[in-house]
Amino acid sequence: MFTILNSESLWIGTDMKRFNQLRDVLEREGISYRHKVKNRMGQWAGTGTMRGRTGSAGMPESAACEYEILVYKKDWEKAKRLTGIE
């Protein structure tokens, strides 16, 4: 089970294509991972969401979601090497 104590963030970004490529590599290599998806425009900012207060003008649709991939600490170095993340 993934917890804060035994996992490490491998990658954080807004590119869904890259996110899926990294997940494919981890699955192919048998490395366990967990992912998180955060809608940045849906975050509450005091009195409403960011999108409700400021709109989405000027923000590309592809940047609305932030993706994070976590792996076990023991697999972090191997996962970095296999995925080409530096």
Foldseek 3Di string as FASTA:
>chain_A
DDDPVFKDWQDKDLAVVLVVVLVVLCVVVVFDKDKDKDQQQQDDDPPGGNCVVPNCPPPDPSRRIMMIMMGTPVCRVVSCVRSVPD
